[in-house]
Protein backbone atom coordinates (compact mmCIF):
# COMPACT_ATOMS: atom_id res chain seq x y z
CA MET A 1 15.87 -21.08 -13.28
CA ALA A 2 15.68 -22.50 -16.78
CA THR A 3 18.87 -23.76 -18.40
CA GLU A 4 19.89 -23.62 -22.03
CA LYS A 5 22.71 -25.79 -23.43
CA THR A 6 24.86 -24.44 -26.26
CA THR A 7 27.96 -25.81 -28.03
CA ASN A 8 30.89 -23.75 -29.32
CA LYS A 9 33.63 -24.91 -31.71
CA THR A 10 37.19 -23.84 -31.00
CA SER A 11 39.89 -23.12 -33.60
CA LYS A 12 41.37 -26.62 -33.11
CA GLY A 13 38.07 -28.31 -34.03
CA GLU A 14 37.17 -29.26 -30.44
CA THR A 15 33.70 -28.55 -29.13
CA LYS A 16 32.91 -26.91 -25.81
CA SER A 17 29.52 -27.06 -24.19
CA ALA A 18 28.31 -24.19 -22.10
CA VAL A 19 25.20 -23.91 -19.96
CA LYS A 20 23.37 -20.58 -19.92
CA LYS A 21 21.03 -19.82 -17.06
CA THR A 22 17.98 -17.78 -17.91
CA ALA A 23 15.65 -16.35 -15.29
CA LYS A 24 11.97 -17.28 -15.31
CA LYS A 25 9.47 -14.46 -15.30
CA PRO A 26 7.51 -14.22 -12.04
CA VAL A 27 3.95 -15.46 -12.31
CA ALA A 28 1.33 -13.07 -10.98
CA LYS A 29 -0.92 -14.58 -8.33
CA PRO A 30 -4.65 -14.08 -8.78
CA ALA A 31 -6.16 -11.46 -6.50
CA GLU A 32 -8.30 -12.60 -3.60
CA LYS A 33 -11.98 -12.40 -4.30
CA VAL A 34 -13.59 -10.31 -1.57
CA ASP A 35 -17.37 -10.11 -1.29
CA LYS A 36 -17.55 -7.10 1.02
CA PHE A 37 -15.48 -3.91 0.80
CA ALA A 38 -15.83 -0.14 1.09
CA VAL A 39 -14.04 3.06 0.12
CA ILE A 40 -13.57 5.45 3.04
CA GLN A 41 -12.26 9.00 3.16
CA THR A 42 -10.09 10.22 6.04
CA GLY A 43 -7.23 12.67 6.33
CA GLY A 44 -7.83 13.97 2.80
CA LYS A 45 -7.16 10.53 1.31
CA GLN A 46 -9.34 7.64 0.15
CA TYR A 47 -8.75 4.00 1.14
CA LEU A 48 -10.27 0.77 -0.17
CA VAL A 49 -10.85 -1.36 2.94
CA THR A 50 -12.03 -4.88 3.77
CA GLU A 51 -12.85 -6.49 7.11
CA GLY A 52 -9.75 -7.58 9.03
CA GLN A 53 -7.41 -5.34 7.01
CA VAL A 54 -4.61 -3.47 8.79
CA LEU A 55 -3.60 -0.13 7.32
CA LYS A 56 -1.80 3.13 8.14
CA ILE A 57 -3.77 6.35 7.86
CA GLU A 58 -3.06 9.99 8.72
CA LYS A 59 -2.71 10.57 12.47
CA ILE A 60 -6.00 10.69 14.37
CA LYS A 61 -6.13 13.18 17.24
CA ASP A 62 -7.39 11.77 20.55
CA GLY A 63 -6.78 8.25 19.25
CA LYS A 64 -5.79 5.94 22.08
CA GLU A 65 -4.58 2.40 21.54
CA GLY A 66 -7.45 -0.12 21.65
CA LYS A 67 -10.13 2.56 21.15
CA ALA A 68 -12.86 1.90 18.55
CA ILE A 69 -13.50 4.56 15.93
CA THR A 70 -16.16 4.89 13.22
CA PHE A 71 -15.77 6.41 9.78
CA ASP A 72 -18.89 8.16 8.46
CA GLU A 73 -17.49 9.45 5.16
CA ILE A 74 -18.09 6.31 3.07
CA LEU A 75 -17.91 6.80 -0.70
CA LEU A 76 -18.75 3.24 -1.83
CA VAL A 77 -20.01 0.03 -0.24
CA VAL A 78 -20.02 -3.32 -2.05
CA ASP A 79 -21.71 -6.29 -0.35
CA GLY A 80 -21.78 -9.22 -2.77
CA LYS A 81 -23.94 -8.02 -5.67
CA ASP A 82 -25.40 -5.08 -3.72
CA ILE A 83 -23.48 -1.90 -4.66
CA LYS A 84 -24.14 1.49 -3.05
CA ILE A 85 -22.46 4.57 -4.47
CA GLY A 86 -22.55 7.82 -2.51
CA ALA A 87 -23.24 11.28 -3.82
CA PRO A 88 -20.87 12.29 -2.19
CA PHE A 89 -21.33 9.88 0.77
CA VAL A 90 -23.44 6.76 1.31
CA SER A 91 -26.14 7.57 3.87
CA GLY A 92 -26.34 5.19 6.83
CA ALA A 93 -23.08 3.40 5.99
CA LYS A 94 -20.43 3.04 8.68
CA VAL A 95 -17.01 1.42 8.93
CA THR A 96 -15.69 0.65 12.41
CA ALA A 97 -12.04 0.08 13.27
CA THR A 98 -9.81 -0.31 16.32
CA ILE A 99 -6.65 1.71 16.81
CA GLU A 100 -3.47 -0.38 17.06
CA GLY A 101 -1.21 2.60 17.88
CA ASP A 102 0.80 5.41 16.32
CA GLU A 103 3.83 4.88 14.07
CA ARG A 104 6.30 7.14 12.37
CA GLY A 105 7.22 6.85 8.72
CA LYS A 106 10.58 6.86 7.01
CA LYS A 107 12.68 10.00 7.43
CA ILE A 108 12.92 12.29 4.44
CA THR A 109 15.32 15.19 3.90
CA VAL A 110 14.14 18.52 2.59
CA LEU A 111 16.93 20.52 0.98
CA ARG A 112 16.77 24.11 -0.26
CA TYR A 113 19.68 25.38 -2.30
CA LYS A 114 20.41 28.51 -4.34
CA SER A 115 23.46 28.44 -6.53
CA LYS A 116 26.08 31.21 -6.50
CA THR A 117 24.68 32.83 -3.34
CA ARG A 118 25.96 30.43 -0.64
CA TYR A 119 22.41 29.68 0.51
CA SER A 120 21.40 26.19 1.59
CA LYS A 121 19.05 24.78 4.23
CA LYS A 122 18.64 21.16 5.20
CA LYS A 123 15.66 19.90 7.18
CA GLY A 124 14.37 16.41 8.09
CA HIS A 125 10.79 15.19 8.49
CA ARG A 126 9.07 12.01 9.74
CA GLN A 127 5.33 11.70 9.18
CA THR A 128 3.23 10.24 12.01
CA TYR A 129 0.62 7.62 11.10
CA THR A 130 -2.11 5.80 13.01
CA LYS A 131 -2.25 2.04 12.49
CA ILE A 132 -5.82 0.68 12.47
CA THR A 133 -7.58 -2.66 11.95
CA ILE A 134 -10.96 -2.65 10.18
CA THR A 135 -13.48 -4.61 12.27
CA SER A 136 -16.77 -4.22 10.41
CA ILE A 137 -18.43 -2.66 7.38
CA LYS A 138 -22.16 -1.81 7.67
């Protein structure tokens, strides 16, 4: 924290010194430079992935812990200066990952309410995710 010293005069002619503390703005760290990455599509969503990355995706059926899976719907592959863009998918590109297990997300409450009619319904929901680790991009 940065400090700022100020002086104030009182009615009797005395001086008081006060120290104000001002917060420093956080400095943004530079992003890691990654030479190899890809954009995959799974569960109706798109993810930018790199090798060794751990991420949560929509639940995969028949996904057992420790099992290797491959993603064929690759939209973009960047390997150094070699860039391949799919139309809609890159042919021959594959991303392999291992399944770490299933997790459940934060609970949300769904509330329906109609005023003046005494109608209300409350329901909870927890989304299930599959945690994966990207092992290779080809």
